[in-house]
Amino acid sequence: MADLFSAEWMAGFQNAWNAEPDLSGELAKIGFNSNIGYGFKGEDAPRGVLVVENGVATGAGAYAGQPLNWDLRADAATWQGWMTKPPGMMGLGMAYTSKKLQFAVGDYAAMVKDPRMAGPFMKSFSVMARV
């Protein structure tokens, strides 16, 4: 298995993202476009980035200074736990309020209030677990 958020891992995540209609298909319906960074708490920058255009992941790899719309951070143990058992909405809410999941960029509260985004956001964690 490739290192979490490495260029190789991010390429696998891109493929898994696009293969999941409850993620890419639902986000396509709302014209979702974003650069999403993924990384570890305490680091200056995310390790990986996923480029999403109209719900479809069109690029993925190591973070190289791209502007980000979202930047999700957690410690390595938390990410690894989610790879084994993806969190549900309550688990994500608890992770956010306890600061296990941090958004260096992006508005978690606004996103979870929009069911068109909240469902796919949760689904992204189960898709990560398939990589």
N, C-alpha and C. Protein backbone atom coordinates (compact mmCIF):
# COMPACT_ATOMS: atom_id res chain seq x y z
N MET A 1 0.84 -1.19 0.00
CA MET A 1 0.00 0.00 0.00
C MET A 1 0.88 1.24 0.00
N ALA A 2 0.56 2.18 -0.83
CA ALA A 2 1.32 3.44 -0.91
C ALA A 2 1.11 4.25 0.36
N ASP A 3 2.08 5.08 0.68
CA ASP A 3 1.98 5.95 1.84
C ASP A 3 0.77 6.87 1.69
N LEU A 4 0.06 7.04 2.79
CA LEU A 4 -1.13 7.88 2.81
C LEU A 4 -0.81 9.29 2.29
N PHE A 5 -1.56 9.73 1.31
CA PHE A 5 -1.49 11.06 0.68
C PHE A 5 -0.26 11.24 -0.21
N SER A 6 0.50 10.17 -0.49
CA SER A 6 1.59 10.26 -1.46
C SER A 6 0.97 10.43 -2.85
N ALA A 7 1.78 10.78 -3.83
CA ALA A 7 1.28 10.95 -5.20
C ALA A 7 0.62 9.66 -5.68
N GLU A 8 1.23 8.51 -5.38
CA GLU A 8 0.67 7.23 -5.79
C GLU A 8 -0.69 6.98 -5.11
N TRP A 9 -0.75 7.25 -3.81
CA TRP A 9 -2.00 7.04 -3.08
C TRP A 9 -3.09 7.98 -3.61
N MET A 10 -2.73 9.23 -3.85
CA MET A 10 -3.70 10.20 -4.36
C MET A 10 -4.24 9.79 -5.73
N ALA A 11 -3.39 9.19 -6.58
CA ALA A 11 -3.86 8.72 -7.89
C ALA A 11 -4.89 7.60 -7.70
N GLY A 12 -4.66 6.71 -6.74
CA GLY A 12 -5.64 5.67 -6.43
C GLY A 12 -6.93 6.26 -5.90
N PHE A 13 -6.82 7.29 -5.08
CA PHE A 13 -7.99 7.97 -4.54
C PHE A 13 -8.79 8.62 -5.67
N GLN A 14 -8.11 9.23 -6.62
CA GLN A 14 -8.78 9.84 -7.77
C GLN A 14 -9.60 8.78 -8.51
N ASN A 15 -9.02 7.63 -8.77
CA ASN A 15 -9.73 6.57 -9.48
C ASN A 15 -10.93 6.07 -8.68
N ALA A 16 -10.74 5.88 -7.38
CA ALA A 16 -11.84 5.41 -6.53
C ALA A 16 -12.95 6.46 -6.45
N TRP A 17 -12.57 7.74 -6.37
CA TRP A 17 -13.53 8.86 -6.33
C TRP A 17 -14.42 8.81 -7.57
N ASN A 18 -13.79 8.70 -8.73
CA ASN A 18 -14.53 8.75 -9.99
C ASN A 18 -15.40 7.51 -10.20
N ALA A 19 -15.05 6.40 -9.55
CA ALA A 19 -15.81 5.16 -9.69
C ALA A 19 -17.02 5.11 -8.76
N GLU A 20 -17.17 6.10 -7.89
CA GLU A 20 -18.25 6.11 -6.90
C GLU A 20 -19.32 7.14 -7.27
N PRO A 21 -20.45 6.68 -7.85
CA PRO A 21 -21.48 7.64 -8.27
C PRO A 21 -22.09 8.45 -7.13
N ASP A 22 -22.10 7.89 -5.90
CA ASP A 22 -22.64 8.65 -4.77
C ASP A 22 -21.70 9.78 -4.36
N LEU A 23 -20.53 9.83 -4.94
CA LEU A 23 -19.59 10.91 -4.67
C LEU A 23 -19.47 11.79 -5.91
N SER A 24 -18.83 11.28 -6.95
CA SER A 24 -18.61 12.10 -8.15
C SER A 24 -19.92 12.47 -8.83
N GLY A 25 -20.85 11.53 -8.89
CA GLY A 25 -22.13 11.80 -9.56
C GLY A 25 -22.96 12.84 -8.83
N GLU A 26 -23.02 12.71 -7.50
CA GLU A 26 -23.79 13.68 -6.72
C GLU A 26 -23.17 15.07 -6.77
N LEU A 27 -21.84 15.13 -6.72
CA LEU A 27 -21.18 16.45 -6.78
C LEU A 27 -21.27 17.05 -8.17
N ALA A 28 -21.35 16.22 -9.19
CA ALA A 28 -21.53 16.74 -10.56
C ALA A 28 -22.86 17.46 -10.69
N LYS A 29 -23.89 16.96 -9.99
CA LYS A 29 -25.22 17.57 -10.05
C LYS A 29 -25.22 19.01 -9.56
N ILE A 30 -24.28 19.36 -8.67
CA ILE A 30 -24.25 20.73 -8.15
C ILE A 30 -23.06 21.52 -8.71
N GLY A 31 -22.38 20.96 -9.71
CA GLY A 31 -21.27 21.67 -10.33
C GLY A 31 -20.11 21.94 -9.36
N PHE A 32 -19.82 20.97 -8.49
CA PHE A 32 -18.79 21.14 -7.47
C PHE A 32 -17.40 21.18 -8.09
N ASN A 33 -16.68 22.26 -7.83
CA ASN A 33 -15.30 22.45 -8.27
C ASN A 33 -14.46 22.83 -7.07
N SER A 34 -13.37 22.10 -6.84
CA SER A 34 -12.52 22.42 -5.69
C SER A 34 -11.15 21.78 -5.84
N ASN A 35 -10.19 22.42 -5.22
CA ASN A 35 -8.89 21.81 -4.95
C ASN A 35 -8.93 21.44 -3.47
N ILE A 36 -8.78 20.14 -3.20
CA ILE A 36 -8.90 19.64 -1.83
C ILE A 36 -7.56 19.09 -1.38
N GLY A 37 -7.03 19.67 -0.32
CA GLY A 37 -5.79 19.20 0.26
C GLY A 37 -6.05 18.23 1.40
N TYR A 38 -5.16 17.27 1.54
CA TYR A 38 -5.23 16.28 2.62
C TYR A 38 -3.87 16.18 3.27
N GLY A 39 -3.86 16.18 4.60
CA GLY A 39 -2.58 16.09 5.26
C GLY A 39 -2.70 15.86 6.74
N PHE A 40 -1.60 16.16 7.43
CA PHE A 40 -1.49 15.87 8.85
C PHE A 40 -1.44 17.14 9.67
N LYS A 41 -2.08 17.08 10.82
CA LYS A 41 -2.06 18.22 11.74
C LYS A 41 -0.62 18.56 12.10
N GLY A 42 -0.36 19.84 12.25
CA GLY A 42 0.95 20.31 12.67
C GLY A 42 1.94 20.52 11.53
N GLU A 43 1.60 20.09 10.33
CA GLU A 43 2.48 20.32 9.18
C GLU A 43 2.08 21.61 8.48
N ASP A 44 3.06 22.26 7.85
CA ASP A 44 2.81 23.55 7.21
C ASP A 44 1.89 23.46 6.01
N ALA A 45 1.92 22.34 5.30
CA ALA A 45 1.14 22.19 4.07
C ALA A 45 0.56 20.79 4.02
N PRO A 46 -0.50 20.62 3.25
CA PRO A 46 -1.02 19.27 3.07
C PRO A 46 -0.01 18.43 2.28
N ARG A 47 -0.19 17.13 2.32
CA ARG A 47 0.71 16.25 1.57
C ARG A 47 0.19 15.97 0.16
N GLY A 48 -1.13 15.83 0.04
CA GLY A 48 -1.72 15.50 -1.25
C GLY A 48 -2.82 16.47 -1.61
N VAL A 49 -3.14 16.50 -2.91
CA VAL A 49 -4.22 17.36 -3.38
C VAL A 49 -5.04 16.61 -4.43
N LEU A 50 -6.34 16.83 -4.39
CA LEU A 50 -7.27 16.28 -5.36
C LEU A 50 -7.95 17.46 -6.04
N VAL A 51 -7.92 17.47 -7.36
CA VAL A 51 -8.55 18.53 -8.15
C VAL A 51 -9.88 17.99 -8.66
N VAL A 52 -10.97 18.67 -8.32
CA VAL A 52 -12.31 18.21 -8.70
C VAL A 52 -12.95 19.27 -9.58
N GLU A 53 -13.44 18.82 -10.74
CA GLU A 53 -14.13 19.71 -11.68
C GLU A 53 -15.49 19.09 -12.00
N ASN A 54 -16.54 19.82 -11.68
CA ASN A 54 -17.90 19.33 -11.87
C ASN A 54 -18.09 17.93 -11.28
N GLY A 55 -17.56 17.75 -10.08
CA GLY A 55 -17.72 16.51 -9.34
C GLY A 55 -16.71 15.43 -9.66
N VAL A 56 -16.04 15.53 -10.79
CA VAL A 56 -15.10 14.52 -11.24
C VAL A 56 -13.68 14.90 -10.84
N ALA A 57 -12.95 13.95 -10.27
CA ALA A 57 -11.55 14.19 -9.92
C ALA A 57 -10.74 14.16 -11.21
N THR A 58 -10.18 15.30 -11.57
CA THR A 58 -9.44 15.42 -12.83
C THR A 58 -7.93 15.44 -12.63
N GLY A 59 -7.50 15.52 -11.38
CA GLY A 59 -6.09 15.52 -11.08
C GLY A 59 -5.86 15.15 -9.63
N ALA A 60 -4.71 14.55 -9.38
CA ALA A 60 -4.37 14.17 -8.02
C ALA A 60 -2.87 13.98 -7.94
N GLY A 61 -2.31 14.30 -6.79
CA GLY A 61 -0.89 14.10 -6.61
C GLY A 61 -0.39 14.79 -5.37
N ALA A 62 0.91 14.94 -5.32
CA ALA A 62 1.54 15.63 -4.20
C ALA A 62 1.16 17.10 -4.25
N TYR A 63 0.96 17.70 -3.09
CA TYR A 63 0.66 19.12 -3.02
C TYR A 63 1.88 19.91 -3.48
N ALA A 64 1.65 20.86 -4.38
CA ALA A 64 2.74 21.66 -4.95
C ALA A 64 2.41 23.14 -4.91
N GLY A 65 1.72 23.57 -3.86
CA GLY A 65 1.44 24.99 -3.70
C GLY A 65 0.17 25.49 -4.37
N GLN A 66 -0.66 24.58 -4.87
CA GLN A 66 -1.90 24.99 -5.51
C GLN A 66 -2.79 25.73 -4.51
N PRO A 67 -3.58 26.70 -4.99
CA PRO A 67 -4.57 27.30 -4.09
C PRO A 67 -5.59 26.22 -3.72
N LEU A 68 -6.04 26.25 -2.48
CA LEU A 68 -6.96 25.22 -1.98
C LEU A 68 -8.30 25.83 -1.59
N ASN A 69 -9.36 25.09 -1.86
CA ASN A 69 -10.69 25.45 -1.37
C ASN A 69 -10.99 24.74 -0.06
N TRP A 70 -10.36 23.59 0.14
CA TRP A 70 -10.51 22.77 1.34
C TRP A 70 -9.15 22.21 1.68
N ASP A 71 -8.86 22.10 2.96
CA ASP A 71 -7.60 21.51 3.42
C ASP A 71 -7.92 20.76 4.71
N LEU A 72 -8.03 19.44 4.61
CA LEU A 72 -8.42 18.60 5.74
C LEU A 72 -7.18 18.03 6.42
N ARG A 73 -7.15 18.14 7.75
CA ARG A 73 -6.01 17.67 8.52
C ARG A 73 -6.46 16.84 9.70
N ALA A 74 -5.72 15.78 9.96
CA ALA A 74 -5.89 14.95 11.15
C ALA A 74 -4.53 14.33 11.43
N ASP A 75 -4.37 13.74 12.61
CA ASP A 75 -3.09 13.07 12.86
C ASP A 75 -3.10 11.72 12.16
N ALA A 76 -1.92 11.13 12.02
CA ALA A 76 -1.77 9.88 11.26
C ALA A 76 -2.63 8.76 11.83
N ALA A 77 -2.70 8.64 13.15
CA ALA A 77 -3.49 7.57 13.76
C ALA A 77 -4.98 7.73 13.45
N THR A 78 -5.46 8.96 13.44
CA THR A 78 -6.88 9.20 13.13
C THR A 78 -7.16 8.83 11.68
N TRP A 79 -6.31 9.28 10.76
CA TRP A 79 -6.51 8.92 9.34
C TRP A 79 -6.49 7.40 9.18
N GLN A 80 -5.52 6.73 9.81
CA GLN A 80 -5.42 5.27 9.68
C GLN A 80 -6.67 4.59 10.22
N GLY A 81 -7.20 5.09 11.33
CA GLY A 81 -8.44 4.54 11.87
C GLY A 81 -9.58 4.67 10.89
N TRP A 82 -9.66 5.81 10.20
CA TRP A 82 -10.72 6.02 9.22
C TRP A 82 -10.53 5.16 7.98
N MET A 83 -9.30 4.75 7.69
CA MET A 83 -9.07 3.86 6.55
C MET A 83 -9.60 2.46 6.88
N THR A 84 -9.59 2.11 8.16
CA THR A 84 -10.09 0.81 8.60
C THR A 84 -11.60 0.84 8.80
N LYS A 85 -12.06 1.91 9.43
CA LYS A 85 -13.50 2.05 9.70
C LYS A 85 -13.90 3.49 9.41
N PRO A 86 -14.41 3.74 8.20
CA PRO A 86 -14.79 5.11 7.86
C PRO A 86 -15.84 5.67 8.81
N PRO A 87 -15.71 6.96 9.16
CA PRO A 87 -16.67 7.55 10.10
C PRO A 87 -18.00 7.87 9.43
N GLY A 88 -19.04 7.89 10.24
CA GLY A 88 -20.35 8.36 9.78
C GLY A 88 -20.48 9.83 10.12
N MET A 89 -21.66 10.38 9.93
CA MET A 89 -21.87 11.80 10.18
C MET A 89 -21.61 12.16 11.64
N MET A 90 -22.07 11.33 12.56
CA MET A 90 -21.85 11.63 13.98
C MET A 90 -20.36 11.56 14.30
N GLY A 91 -19.67 10.56 13.78
CA GLY A 91 -18.23 10.43 14.03
C GLY A 91 -17.45 11.60 13.48
N LEU A 92 -17.84 12.06 12.29
CA LEU A 92 -17.16 13.23 11.71
C LEU A 92 -17.44 14.48 12.54
N GLY A 93 -18.69 14.63 12.98
CA GLY A 93 -19.03 15.78 13.82
C GLY A 93 -18.24 15.79 15.11
N MET A 94 -18.12 14.62 15.73
CA MET A 94 -17.35 14.53 16.96
C MET A 94 -15.86 14.78 16.70
N ALA A 95 -15.36 14.28 15.57
CA ALA A 95 -13.95 14.51 15.23
C ALA A 95 -13.69 16.00 15.02
N TYR A 96 -14.65 16.66 14.39
CA TYR A 96 -14.49 18.10 14.14
C TYR A 96 -14.55 18.89 15.45
N THR A 97 -15.54 18.61 16.29
CA THR A 97 -15.68 19.38 17.53
C THR A 97 -14.54 19.11 18.50
N SER A 98 -13.96 17.91 18.44
CA SER A 98 -12.83 17.58 19.33
C SER A 98 -11.48 17.94 18.71
N LYS A 99 -11.53 18.52 17.52
CA LYS A 99 -10.34 18.95 16.77
C LYS A 99 -9.47 17.79 16.29
N LYS A 100 -10.03 16.58 16.24
CA LYS A 100 -9.31 15.48 15.61
C LYS A 100 -9.27 15.67 14.10
N LEU A 101 -10.31 16.29 13.57
CA LEU A 101 -10.37 16.68 12.17
C LEU A 101 -10.37 18.19 12.13
N GLN A 102 -9.42 18.75 11.42
CA GLN A 102 -9.35 20.21 11.30
C GLN A 102 -9.41 20.61 9.84
N PHE A 103 -10.03 21.75 9.61
CA PHE A 103 -10.09 22.33 8.28
C PHE A 103 -9.16 23.55 8.28
N ALA A 104 -7.98 23.40 7.70
CA ALA A 104 -7.07 24.54 7.59
C ALA A 104 -7.65 25.55 6.61
N VAL A 105 -8.40 25.06 5.63
CA VAL A 105 -9.12 25.89 4.67
C VAL A 105 -10.47 25.24 4.46
N GLY A 106 -11.53 26.04 4.39
CA GLY A 106 -12.86 25.53 4.14
C GLY A 106 -13.75 25.69 5.36
N ASP A 107 -15.04 25.64 5.13
CA ASP A 107 -16.03 25.88 6.17
C ASP A 107 -16.83 24.61 6.41
N TYR A 108 -16.41 23.82 7.40
CA TYR A 108 -17.06 22.56 7.74
C TYR A 108 -18.54 22.78 8.07
N ALA A 109 -18.83 23.76 8.90
CA ALA A 109 -20.21 23.98 9.35
C ALA A 109 -21.14 24.27 8.17
N ALA A 110 -20.70 25.11 7.24
CA ALA A 110 -21.54 25.42 6.07
C ALA A 110 -21.73 24.19 5.19
N MET A 111 -20.67 23.40 5.06
CA MET A 111 -20.74 22.22 4.21
C MET A 111 -21.71 21.19 4.77
N VAL A 112 -21.65 20.90 6.06
CA VAL A 112 -22.52 19.85 6.61
C VAL A 112 -23.98 20.29 6.68
N LYS A 113 -24.24 21.57 6.60
CA LYS A 113 -25.62 22.06 6.59
C LYS A 113 -26.26 21.91 5.21
N ASP A 114 -25.45 21.64 4.19
CA ASP A 114 -25.94 21.48 2.83
C ASP A 114 -25.94 19.98 2.49
N PRO A 115 -27.11 19.33 2.50
CA PRO A 115 -27.14 17.89 2.27
C PRO A 115 -26.55 17.48 0.92
N ARG A 116 -26.55 18.39 -0.05
CA ARG A 116 -25.96 18.07 -1.36
C ARG A 116 -24.45 17.89 -1.25
N MET A 117 -23.85 18.47 -0.21
CA MET A 117 -22.41 18.32 0.00
C MET A 117 -22.09 17.38 1.15
N ALA A 118 -22.92 17.35 2.18
CA ALA A 118 -22.64 16.54 3.36
C ALA A 118 -22.59 15.05 3.04
N GLY A 119 -23.54 14.56 2.25
CA GLY A 119 -23.55 13.14 1.89
C GLY A 119 -22.29 12.74 1.14
N PRO A 120 -21.93 13.45 0.07
CA PRO A 120 -20.70 13.12 -0.63
C PRO A 120 -19.45 13.27 0.24
N PHE A 121 -19.43 14.26 1.15
CA PHE A 121 -18.28 14.41 2.04
C PHE A 121 -18.11 13.14 2.89
N MET A 122 -19.19 12.66 3.46
CA MET A 122 -19.11 11.43 4.25
C MET A 122 -18.68 10.26 3.37
N LYS A 123 -19.22 10.18 2.17
CA LYS A 123 -18.88 9.09 1.26
C LYS A 123 -17.40 9.11 0.91
N SER A 124 -16.79 10.30 0.88
CA SER A 124 -15.37 10.38 0.51
C SER A 124 -14.49 9.59 1.47
N PHE A 125 -14.91 9.46 2.73
CA PHE A 125 -14.11 8.70 3.70
C PHE A 125 -14.17 7.21 3.43
N SER A 126 -15.34 6.70 3.02
CA SER A 126 -15.41 5.27 2.69
C SER A 126 -14.66 5.00 1.38
N VAL A 127 -14.66 5.97 0.47
CA VAL A 127 -13.90 5.82 -0.77
C VAL A 127 -12.40 5.79 -0.46
N MET A 128 -11.94 6.65 0.47
CA MET A 128 -10.54 6.63 0.87
C MET A 128 -10.13 5.25 1.37
N ALA A 129 -11.02 4.62 2.11
CA ALA A 129 -10.70 3.32 2.71
C ALA A 129 -10.52 2.23 1.65
N ARG A 130 -10.96 2.47 0.42
CA ARG A 130 -10.80 1.49 -0.67
C ARG A 130 -9.46 1.60 -1.37
N VAL A 131 -8.75 2.69 -1.12
CA VAL A 131 -7.48 2.92 -1.86
C VAL A 131 -6.41 1.99 -1.34
